[in-house]
């Protein structure tokens, strides 16, 4: 019987590496989708040695470039045919405003538009029993979607990375709920995982307030493995089969109010995102 195939974005560091390790140990063929394949390949080799699973492959993926997303999706479908697990793990929190080649704010592209497009492109290769997990965050509750500013600038007004990051986490959470509804009859599950505050490269000491923030939150910061646990459970646990459209943290379903499960901008977000990526679908 052929191995099942799993894709993890941002799989060479932090939580992505832990998710890739868990999938490899579970016997999956793992595609590590990484921004810099040259640096990721030695990590993939070490992971293969540690897990005893030789079916670990590193492929390049730049979520800030929609052409790269399309090229990656086309190539992975050509090589592997069917996809059984998709872990949209990669994320960023930019310290300044950067515009991608597609005219998107970089945090928005990496955290939301890129994963949206990647997921849509891979869906034809996914069947009943497949699972999609999106890395979300409780900061979605701080998010606000102002169109078209959200896509082009991250937010209305001046650049401020924390609100922009929160806006992207609201967007990926709404995408999770909407996609789960659309795929329910196909037997493909879609869930969001909140890792908590995790010691990864996304926490950067480049702003004047970060040392203070670090002092306050350091007792609550989790290791990458601890942060990845909820997502790993959604990807692999038997008791999560069939669970869809949920927001999970600390291994459990976290109740989300109707304000978000039926958000007034959910359909608009879907439609406007689809219009942006239409040429790549």
C-alpha atoms as a PDB file:
ATOM      1  CA  UNK A   1       0.000   0.000   0.000  1.00  0.00           C
ATOM      2  CA  UNK A   2       1.357   3.430  -0.987  1.00  0.00           C
ATOM      3  CA  UNK A   3       2.299   5.821   1.732  1.00  0.00           C
ATOM      4  CA  UNK A   4       0.019   8.740   2.412  1.00  0.00           C
ATOM      5  CA  UNK A   5       1.429  12.165   1.589  1.00  0.00           C
ATOM      6  CA  UNK A   6       1.531  15.132   3.970  1.00  0.00           C
ATOM      7  CA  UNK A   7       2.603  18.719   3.236  1.00  0.00           C
ATOM      8  CA  UNK A   8       3.879  21.060   5.927  1.00  0.00           C
ATOM      9  CA  UNK A   9       4.702  24.682   5.100  1.00  0.00           C
ATOM     10  CA  UNK A  10       7.563  26.286   6.970  1.00  0.00           C
ATOM     11  CA  UNK A  11       8.666  22.803   7.955  1.00  0.00           C
ATOM     12  CA  UNK A  12      12.367  23.393   8.552  1.00  0.00           C
ATOM     13  CA  UNK A  13      12.125  25.310  11.838  1.00  0.00           C
ATOM     14  CA  UNK A  14       9.992  25.705  14.951  1.00  0.00           C
ATOM     15  CA  UNK A  15       6.544  24.183  15.021  1.00  0.00           C
ATOM     16  CA  UNK A  16       6.685  23.184  11.366  1.00  0.00           C
ATOM     17  CA  UNK A  17       9.664  20.954  12.056  1.00  0.00           C
ATOM     18  CA  UNK A  18       7.830  19.318  14.965  1.00  0.00           C
ATOM     19  CA  UNK A  19       4.755  18.737  12.794  1.00  0.00           C
ATOM     20  CA  UNK A  20       6.905  17.259  10.039  1.00  0.00           C
ATOM     21  CA  UNK A  21       8.622  14.990  12.586  1.00  0.00           C
ATOM     22  CA  UNK A  22       5.304  13.718  13.949  1.00  0.00           C
ATOM     23  CA  UNK A  23       3.998  12.980  10.452  1.00  0.00           C
ATOM     24  CA  UNK A  24       7.225  11.206   9.495  1.00  0.00           C
ATOM     25  CA  UNK A  25       7.085   9.059  12.630  1.00  0.00           C
ATOM     26  CA  UNK A  26       3.466   8.208  11.760  1.00  0.00           C
ATOM     27  CA  UNK A  27       4.663   6.819   8.429  1.00  0.00           C
ATOM     28  CA  UNK A  28       3.670   9.597   6.065  1.00  0.00           C
ATOM     29  CA  UNK A  29       5.619  10.710   3.045  1.00  0.00           C
ATOM     30  CA  UNK A  30       6.419  14.275   4.129  1.00  0.00           C
ATOM     31  CA  UNK A  31       6.861  17.219   1.795  1.00  0.00           C
ATOM     32  CA  UNK A  32       8.646  20.009   3.622  1.00  0.00           C
ATOM     33  CA  UNK A  33       7.547  23.196   1.838  1.00  0.00           C
ATOM     34  CA  UNK A  34      10.215  25.768   2.698  1.00  0.00           C
ATOM     35  CA  UNK A  35      11.138  29.310   1.751  1.00  0.00           C
ATOM     36  CA  UNK A  36      14.848  28.475   1.400  1.00  0.00           C
ATOM     37  CA  UNK A  37      15.333  24.869   0.198  1.00  0.00           C
ATOM     38  CA  UNK A  38      19.130  25.162   0.355  1.00  0.00           C
ATOM     39  CA  UNK A  39      19.007  25.692   4.106  1.00  0.00           C
ATOM     40  CA  UNK A  40      16.133  23.254   4.619  1.00  0.00           C
ATOM     41  CA  UNK A  41      17.662  20.223   2.885  1.00  0.00           C
ATOM     42  CA  UNK A  42      20.144  19.416   5.673  1.00  0.00           C
ATOM     43  CA  UNK A  43      17.264  19.686   8.146  1.00  0.00           C
ATOM     44  CA  UNK A  44      15.255  17.230   6.061  1.00  0.00           C
ATOM     45  CA  UNK A  45      18.208  14.837   5.965  1.00  0.00           C
ATOM     46  CA  UNK A  46      18.586  14.969   9.747  1.00  0.00           C
ATOM     47  CA  UNK A  47      14.873  14.423  10.179  1.00  0.00           C
ATOM     48  CA  UNK A  48      14.983  11.353   7.937  1.00  0.00           C
ATOM     49  CA  UNK A  49      17.848   9.938   9.993  1.00  0.00           C
ATOM     50  CA  UNK A  50      16.123  10.678  13.307  1.00  0.00           C
ATOM     51  CA  UNK A  51      12.771   9.202  12.325  1.00  0.00           C
ATOM     52  CA  UNK A  52      13.947   6.332  10.127  1.00  0.00           C
ATOM     53  CA  UNK A  53      11.612   7.602   7.409  1.00  0.00           C
ATOM     54  CA  UNK A  54      13.461   8.156   4.137  1.00  0.00           C
ATOM     55  CA  UNK A  55      10.390   9.594   2.396  1.00  0.00           C
ATOM     56  CA  UNK A  56      11.053  13.183   3.362  1.00  0.00           C
ATOM     57  CA  UNK A  57      11.313  15.693   0.551  1.00  0.00           C
ATOM     58  CA  UNK A  58      12.190  19.392   0.621  1.00  0.00           C
ATOM     59  CA  UNK A  59      10.546  21.660  -1.941  1.00  0.00           C
ATOM     60  CA  UNK A  60      10.708  25.418  -2.380  1.00  0.00           C
ATOM     61  CA  UNK A  61       7.650  27.532  -1.608  1.00  0.00           C
ATOM     62  CA  UNK A  62       7.418  31.310  -1.267  1.00  0.00           C
ATOM     63  CA  UNK A  63       4.008  32.241   0.097  1.00  0.00           C
ATOM     64  CA  UNK A  64       4.760  35.888  -0.694  1.00  0.00           C
ATOM     65  CA  UNK A  65       4.784  35.056  -4.407  1.00  0.00           C
ATOM     66  CA  UNK A  66       1.584  33.633  -5.903  1.00  0.00           C
ATOM     67  CA  UNK A  67       3.440  32.282  -8.933  1.00  0.00           C
ATOM     68  CA  UNK A  68       5.629  30.255  -6.565  1.00  0.00           C
ATOM     69  CA  UNK A  69       2.531  28.908  -4.830  1.00  0.00           C
ATOM     70  CA  UNK A  70       1.064  27.787  -8.156  1.00  0.00           C
ATOM     71  CA  UNK A  71       4.354  26.222  -9.284  1.00  0.00           C
ATOM     72  CA  UNK A  72       4.706  24.330  -5.999  1.00  0.00           C
ATOM     73  CA  UNK A  73       1.132  23.017  -6.127  1.00  0.00           C
ATOM     74  CA  UNK A  74       1.498  21.879  -9.720  1.00  0.00           C
ATOM     75  CA  UNK A  75       4.771  20.094  -9.010  1.00  0.00           C
ATOM     76  CA  UNK A  76       3.643  18.362  -5.817  1.00  0.00           C
ATOM     77  CA  UNK A  77       0.495  17.082  -7.547  1.00  0.00           C
ATOM     78  CA  UNK A  78       2.598  15.854 -10.479  1.00  0.00           C
ATOM     79  CA  UNK A  79       4.989  13.995  -8.181  1.00  0.00           C
ATOM     80  CA  UNK A  80       2.558  12.551  -5.664  1.00  0.00           C
ATOM     81  CA  UNK A  81      -0.940  12.573  -7.156  1.00  0.00           C
ATOM     82  CA  UNK A  82      -2.985  12.564  -3.969  1.00  0.00           C
ATOM     83  CA  UNK A  83      -2.555  14.653  -0.821  1.00  0.00           C
ATOM     84  CA  UNK A  84      -3.778  13.357   2.544  1.00  0.00           C
ATOM     85  CA  UNK A  85      -2.650  16.029   5.011  1.00  0.00           C
ATOM     86  CA  UNK A  86      -2.035  19.749   4.539  1.00  0.00           C
ATOM     87  CA  UNK A  87      -0.540  21.736   7.407  1.00  0.00           C
ATOM     88  CA  UNK A  88      -0.617  25.471   6.671  1.00  0.00           C
ATOM     89  CA  UNK A  89       1.978  26.287   9.309  1.00  0.00           C
ATOM     90  CA  UNK A  90       4.252  28.988   7.875  1.00  0.00           C
ATOM     91  CA  UNK A  91       3.778  32.504   9.129  1.00  0.00           C
ATOM     92  CA  UNK A  92       5.440  35.874   9.569  1.00  0.00           C
ATOM     93  CA  UNK A  93       5.027  39.096  11.490  1.00  0.00           C
ATOM     94  CA  UNK A  94       6.866  41.754   9.511  1.00  0.00           C
ATOM     95  CA  UNK A  95       8.565  44.644  11.324  1.00  0.00           C
ATOM     96  CA  UNK A  96       7.927  47.048   8.455  1.00  0.00           C
ATOM     97  CA  UNK A  97       5.590  47.359   5.508  1.00  0.00           C
ATOM     98  CA  UNK A  98       6.750  45.323   2.537  1.00  0.00           C
ATOM     99  CA  UNK A  99       4.782  44.887  -0.682  1.00  0.00           C
ATOM    100  CA  UNK A 100       5.013  41.612  -2.586  1.00  0.00           C
ATOM    101  CA  UNK A 101       5.351  41.231  -6.343  1.00  0.00           C
ATOM    102  CA  UNK A 102       1.584  40.682  -6.391  1.00  0.00           C
ATOM    103  CA  UNK A 103       0.878  44.025  -4.685  1.00  0.00           C
ATOM    104  CA  UNK A 104      -0.014  42.469  -1.324  1.00  0.00           C
ATOM    105  CA  UNK A 105       1.264  43.381   2.114  1.00  0.00           C
ATOM    106  CA  UNK A 106       3.785  40.645   2.914  1.00  0.00           C
ATOM    107  CA  UNK A 107       2.310  39.487   6.246  1.00  0.00           C
ATOM    108  CA  UNK A 108      -1.102  39.202   4.573  1.00  0.00           C
ATOM    109  CA  UNK A 109       0.315  37.154   1.702  1.00  0.00           C
ATOM    110  CA  UNK A 110       2.345  34.738   3.849  1.00  0.00           C
ATOM    111  CA  UNK A 111      -0.234  34.247   6.589  1.00  0.00           C
ATOM    112  CA  UNK A 112      -3.420  34.240   4.558  1.00  0.00           C
ATOM    113  CA  UNK A 113      -3.546  34.767   0.773  1.00  0.00           C
ATOM    114  CA  UNK A 114      -0.726  32.299   0.036  1.00  0.00           C
ATOM    115  CA  UNK A 115      -2.258  29.538   2.195  1.00  0.00           C
ATOM    116  CA  UNK A 116      -5.699  30.264   0.715  1.00  0.00           C
ATOM    117  CA  UNK A 117      -4.348  29.799  -2.819  1.00  0.00           C
ATOM    118  CA  UNK A 118      -2.244  26.756  -1.914  1.00  0.00           C
ATOM    119  CA  UNK A 119      -5.215  25.038  -0.299  1.00  0.00           C
ATOM    120  CA  UNK A 120      -7.536  25.790  -3.199  1.00  0.00           C
ATOM    121  CA  UNK A 121      -4.970  24.453  -5.692  1.00  0.00           C
ATOM    122  CA  UNK A 122      -4.406  21.222  -3.754  1.00  0.00           C
ATOM    123  CA  UNK A 123      -8.080  20.419  -3.155  1.00  0.00           C
ATOM    124  CA  UNK A 124      -8.487  18.488  -6.435  1.00  0.00           C
ATOM    125  CA  UNK A 125      -5.821  16.074  -5.147  1.00  0.00           C
ATOM    126  CA  UNK A 126      -7.568  15.553  -1.804  1.00  0.00           C
ATOM    127  CA  UNK A 127     -10.324  13.049  -1.101  1.00  0.00           C
ATOM    128  CA  UNK A 128     -12.493  11.812   1.738  1.00  0.00           C
ATOM    129  CA  UNK A 129     -10.486  11.433   4.931  1.00  0.00           C
ATOM    130  CA  UNK A 130      -7.997  14.157   4.051  1.00  0.00           C
ATOM    131  CA  UNK A 131      -7.317  16.755   6.729  1.00  0.00           C
ATOM    132  CA  UNK A 132      -6.391  20.432   6.461  1.00  0.00           C
ATOM    133  CA  UNK A 133      -5.088  22.299   9.505  1.00  0.00           C
ATOM    134  CA  UNK A 134      -4.516  26.062   9.514  1.00  0.00           C
ATOM    135  CA  UNK A 135      -2.269  27.682  12.100  1.00  0.00           C
ATOM    136  CA  UNK A 136      -4.381  30.364  13.723  1.00  0.00           C
ATOM    137  CA  UNK A 137      -4.224  32.388  16.939  1.00  0.00           C
ATOM    138  CA  UNK A 138      -6.518  33.761  19.588  1.00  0.00           C
ATOM    139  CA  UNK A 139      -5.494  37.229  18.432  1.00  0.00           C
ATOM    140  CA  UNK A 140      -8.082  36.800  15.676  1.00  0.00           C
ATOM    141  CA  UNK A 141     -10.402  38.457  18.213  1.00  0.00           C
ATOM    142  CA  UNK A 142      -8.384  41.663  17.796  1.00  0.00           C
ATOM    143  CA  UNK A 143      -8.604  41.497  14.015  1.00  0.00           C
ATOM    144  CA  UNK A 144     -10.426  43.865  11.695  1.00  0.00           C
ATOM    145  CA  UNK A 145     -10.895  43.563   7.947  1.00  0.00           C
ATOM    146  CA  UNK A 146     -10.937  46.870   6.098  1.00  0.00           C
ATOM    147  CA  UNK A 147     -11.124  46.360   2.339  1.00  0.00           C
ATOM    148  CA  UNK A 148      -9.131  46.941   0.191  1.00  0.00           C
ATOM    149  CA  UNK A 149      -6.601  48.152   2.799  1.00  0.00           C
ATOM    150  CA  UNK A 150      -6.334  44.675   4.323  1.00  0.00           C
ATOM    151  CA  UNK A 151      -4.815  43.160   1.200  1.00  0.00           C
ATOM    152  CA  UNK A 152      -2.665  46.102   0.131  1.00  0.00           C
ATOM    153  CA  UNK A 153      -1.507  47.515   3.486  1.00  0.00           C
ATOM    154  CA  UNK A 154      -2.570  45.031   6.156  1.00  0.00           C
ATOM    155  CA  UNK A 155      -4.769  47.588   7.867  1.00  0.00           C
ATOM    156  CA  UNK A 156      -6.247  51.039   7.434  1.00  0.00           C
ATOM    157  CA  UNK A 157      -3.816  53.722   8.553  1.00  0.00           C
ATOM    158  CA  UNK A 158      -0.172  53.521   9.575  1.00  0.00           C
ATOM    159  CA  UNK A 159       1.819  50.292   9.728  1.00  0.00           C
ATOM    160  CA  UNK A 160       1.645  48.485  13.051  1.00  0.00           C
ATOM    161  CA  UNK A 161       2.672  44.851  12.936  1.00  0.00           C
ATOM    162  CA  UNK A 162       0.579  43.461  15.791  1.00  0.00           C
ATOM    163  CA  UNK A 163      -2.806  44.603  14.425  1.00  0.00           C
ATOM    164  CA  UNK A 164      -1.815  43.462  10.937  1.00  0.00           C
ATOM    165  CA  UNK A 165      -0.815  40.056  12.285  1.00  0.00           C
ATOM    166  CA  UNK A 166      -4.132  39.880  14.148  1.00  0.00           C
ATOM    167  CA  UNK A 167      -5.993  40.768  10.954  1.00  0.00           C
ATOM    168  CA  UNK A 168      -4.348  37.885   9.110  1.00  0.00           C
ATOM    169  CA  UNK A 169      -5.270  35.470  11.897  1.00  0.00           C
ATOM    170  CA  UNK A 170      -8.888  36.614  11.689  1.00  0.00           C
ATOM    171  CA  UNK A 171      -8.793  36.024   7.939  1.00  0.00           C
ATOM    172  CA  UNK A 172      -7.335  32.488   8.204  1.00  0.00           C
ATOM    173  CA  UNK A 173      -9.861  31.635  10.925  1.00  0.00           C
ATOM    174  CA  UNK A 174     -12.789  32.786   8.785  1.00  0.00           C
ATOM    175  CA  UNK A 175     -11.318  30.870   5.844  1.00  0.00           C
ATOM    176  CA  UNK A 176     -11.217  27.756   8.038  1.00  0.00           C
ATOM    177  CA  UNK A 177     -14.903  28.013   8.927  1.00  0.00           C
ATOM    178  CA  UNK A 178     -16.020  28.772   5.368  1.00  0.00           C
ATOM    179  CA  UNK A 179     -13.900  26.048   3.766  1.00  0.00           C
ATOM    180  CA  UNK A 180     -15.060  23.473   6.319  1.00  0.00           C
ATOM    181  CA  UNK A 181     -18.663  24.178   5.327  1.00  0.00           C
ATOM    182  CA  UNK A 182     -17.877  23.908   1.622  1.00  0.00           C
ATOM    183  CA  UNK A 183     -15.980  20.613   2.004  1.00  0.00           C
ATOM    184  CA  UNK A 184     -18.170  18.862   4.561  1.00  0.00           C
ATOM    185  CA  UNK A 185     -19.947  16.680   2.011  1.00  0.00           C
ATOM    186  CA  UNK A 186     -16.616  15.648   0.464  1.00  0.00           C
ATOM    187  CA  UNK A 187     -15.395  14.259   3.790  1.00  0.00           C
ATOM    188  CA  UNK A 188     -12.381  16.600   3.942  1.00  0.00           C
ATOM    189  CA  UNK A 189     -11.934  18.188   7.360  1.00  0.00           C
ATOM    190  CA  UNK A 190     -10.650  21.709   8.001  1.00  0.00           C
ATOM    191  CA  UNK A 191      -9.687  22.967  11.449  1.00  0.00           C
ATOM    192  CA  UNK A 192      -7.736  25.830  13.022  1.00  0.00           C
ATOM    193  CA  UNK A 193      -5.060  25.332  15.679  1.00  0.00           C
ATOM    194  CA  UNK A 194      -3.912  27.985  18.143  1.00  0.00           C
ATOM    195  CA  UNK A 195      -0.404  27.189  19.426  1.00  0.00           C
ATOM    196  CA  UNK A 196      -0.373  29.766  22.203  1.00  0.00           C
ATOM    197  CA  UNK A 197       2.730  31.929  22.690  1.00  0.00           C
ATOM    198  CA  UNK A 198       5.614  29.921  21.269  1.00  0.00           C
ATOM    199  CA  UNK A 199       9.370  30.460  21.300  1.00  0.00           C
ATOM    200  CA  UNK A 200       9.944  30.665  17.544  1.00  0.00           C
ATOM    201  CA  UNK A 201      11.573  33.074  15.097  1.00  0.00           C
ATOM    202  CA  UNK A 202       8.293  34.964  14.765  1.00  0.00           C
ATOM    203  CA  UNK A 203       8.999  36.593  18.167  1.00  0.00           C
ATOM    204  CA  UNK A 204      11.654  39.167  17.309  1.00  0.00           C
ATOM    205  CA  UNK A 205      13.405  41.607  19.637  1.00  0.00           C
ATOM    206  CA  UNK A 206      13.450  44.425  17.075  1.00  0.00           C
ATOM    207  CA  UNK A 207      10.906  46.829  18.563  1.00  0.00           C
ATOM    208  CA  UNK A 208      11.388  48.926  21.700  1.00  0.00           C
ATOM    209  CA  UNK A 209       8.509  47.280  23.558  1.00  0.00           C
ATOM    210  CA  UNK A 210       9.509  43.679  22.884  1.00  0.00           C
ATOM    211  CA  UNK A 211      11.812  43.225  25.937  1.00  0.00           C
ATOM    212  CA  UNK A 212       8.936  44.331  28.166  1.00  0.00           C
ATOM    213  CA  UNK A 213       6.542  42.005  26.351  1.00  0.00           C
ATOM    214  CA  UNK A 214       9.071  39.198  26.729  1.00  0.00           C
ATOM    215  CA  UNK A 215       9.355  39.814  30.473  1.00  0.00           C
ATOM    216  CA  UNK A 216       5.580  39.651  30.892  1.00  0.00           C
ATOM    217  CA  UNK A 217       4.936  36.621  28.713  1.00  0.00           C
ATOM    218  CA  UNK A 218       8.110  34.541  29.220  1.00  0.00           C
ATOM    219  CA  UNK A 219       6.502  32.325  31.931  1.00  0.00           C
ATOM    220  CA  UNK A 220       3.756  31.380  29.454  1.00  0.00           C
ATOM    221  CA  UNK A 221       5.907  30.777  26.390  1.00  0.00           C
ATOM    222  CA  UNK A 222       5.768  27.233  25.036  1.00  0.00           C
ATOM    223  CA  UNK A 223       8.397  25.204  23.246  1.00  0.00           C
ATOM    224  CA  UNK A 224       7.839  24.562  19.520  1.00  0.00           C
ATOM    225  CA  UNK A 225       6.776  20.999  20.330  1.00  0.00           C
ATOM    226  CA  UNK A 226       4.269  22.188  22.905  1.00  0.00           C
ATOM    227  CA  UNK A 227       2.947  24.775  20.480  1.00  0.00           C
ATOM    228  CA  UNK A 228       2.610  22.183  17.717  1.00  0.00           C
ATOM    229  CA  UNK A 229       0.768  19.601  19.839  1.00  0.00           C
ATOM    230  CA  UNK A 230      -2.752  20.815  19.021  1.00  0.00           C
ATOM    231  CA  UNK A 231      -2.067  20.860  15.288  1.00  0.00           C
ATOM    232  CA  UNK A 232      -0.421  17.426  15.433  1.00  0.00           C
ATOM    233  CA  UNK A 233      -3.490  16.010  17.150  1.00  0.00           C
ATOM    234  CA  UNK A 234      -5.760  17.451  14.466  1.00  0.00           C
ATOM    235  CA  UNK A 235      -3.546  15.940  11.785  1.00  0.00           C
ATOM    236  CA  UNK A 236      -3.111  12.471  13.267  1.00  0.00           C
ATOM    237  CA  UNK A 237      -5.399  11.517  16.150  1.00  0.00           C
ATOM    238  CA  UNK A 238      -8.070   8.946  15.370  1.00  0.00           C
ATOM    239  CA  UNK A 239     -10.578  10.697  17.581  1.00  0.00           C
ATOM    240  CA  UNK A 240     -10.225  13.842  15.433  1.00  0.00           C
ATOM    241  CA  UNK A 241     -11.376  12.052  12.275  1.00  0.00           C
ATOM    242  CA  UNK A 242     -14.541  13.750  11.091  1.00  0.00           C
ATOM    243  CA  UNK A 243     -14.024  16.800  13.313  1.00  0.00           C
ATOM    244  CA  UNK A 244     -14.291  19.891  11.137  1.00  0.00           C
ATOM    245  CA  UNK A 245     -14.890  23.611  11.299  1.00  0.00           C
ATOM    246  CA  UNK A 246     -13.425  23.949  14.794  1.00  0.00           C
ATOM    247  CA  UNK A 247     -10.947  26.274  16.474  1.00  0.00           C
ATOM    248  CA  UNK A 248      -8.702  24.329  18.848  1.00  0.00           C
ATOM    249  CA  UNK A 249      -6.192  25.236  21.529  1.00  0.00           C
ATOM    250  CA  UNK A 250      -4.375  23.144  24.145  1.00  0.00           C
ATOM    251  CA  UNK A 251      -5.693  20.004  22.439  1.00  0.00           C
ATOM    252  CA  UNK A 252      -9.365  20.876  22.840  1.00  0.00           C
ATOM    253  CA  UNK A 253     -12.097  22.612  20.886  1.00  0.00           C
ATOM    254  CA  UNK A 254     -12.311  26.236  21.927  1.00  0.00           C
ATOM    255  CA  UNK A 255     -15.815  27.711  21.668  1.00  0.00           C
ATOM    256  CA  UNK A 256     -16.061  30.508  19.108  1.00  0.00           C
ATOM    257  CA  UNK A 257     -19.040  32.820  19.059  1.00  0.00           C
ATOM    258  CA  UNK A 258     -21.446  33.126  16.162  1.00  0.00           C
ATOM    259  CA  UNK A 259     -19.989  36.548  15.529  1.00  0.00           C
ATOM    260  CA  UNK A 260     -17.062  34.678  13.979  1.00  0.00           C
ATOM    261  CA  UNK A 261     -18.556  31.376  12.795  1.00  0.00           C
ATOM    262  CA  UNK A 262     -21.044  33.448  10.778  1.00  0.00           C
ATOM    263  CA  UNK A 263     -18.962  36.590  10.428  1.00  0.00           C
ATOM    264  CA  UNK A 264     -20.628  39.353   8.426  1.00  0.00           C
ATOM    265  CA  UNK A 265     -17.545  39.665   6.184  1.00  0.00           C
ATOM    266  CA  UNK A 266     -16.879  35.962   5.646  1.00  0.00           C
ATOM    267  CA  UNK A 267     -18.376  35.803   2.157  1.00  0.00           C
ATOM    268  CA  UNK A 268     -16.816  39.111   1.151  1.00  0.00           C
ATOM    269  CA  UNK A 269     -13.407  37.922   2.309  1.00  0.00           C
ATOM    270  CA  UNK A 270     -13.768  34.730   0.271  1.00  0.00           C
ATOM    271  CA  UNK A 271     -14.930  36.575  -2.839  1.00  0.00           C
ATOM    272  CA  UNK A 272     -12.266  39.272  -2.719  1.00  0.00           C
ATOM    273  CA  UNK A 273      -9.495  36.758  -2.056  1.00  0.00           C
ATOM    274  CA  UNK A 274     -10.692  34.612  -4.935  1.00  0.00           C
ATOM    275  CA  UNK A 275     -10.635  37.640  -7.224  1.00  0.00           C
ATOM    276  CA  UNK A 276      -6.999  38.327  -6.250  1.00  0.00           C
ATOM    277  CA  UNK A 277      -5.863  34.751  -6.957  1.00  0.00           C
ATOM    278  CA  UNK A 278      -8.216  34.070  -9.893  1.00  0.00           C
ATOM    279  CA  UNK A 279      -5.431  34.001 -12.483  1.00  0.00           C
ATOM    280  CA  UNK A 280      -3.687  31.225 -10.538  1.00  0.00           C
ATOM    281  CA  UNK A 281      -6.672  28.944  -9.926  1.00  0.00           C
END
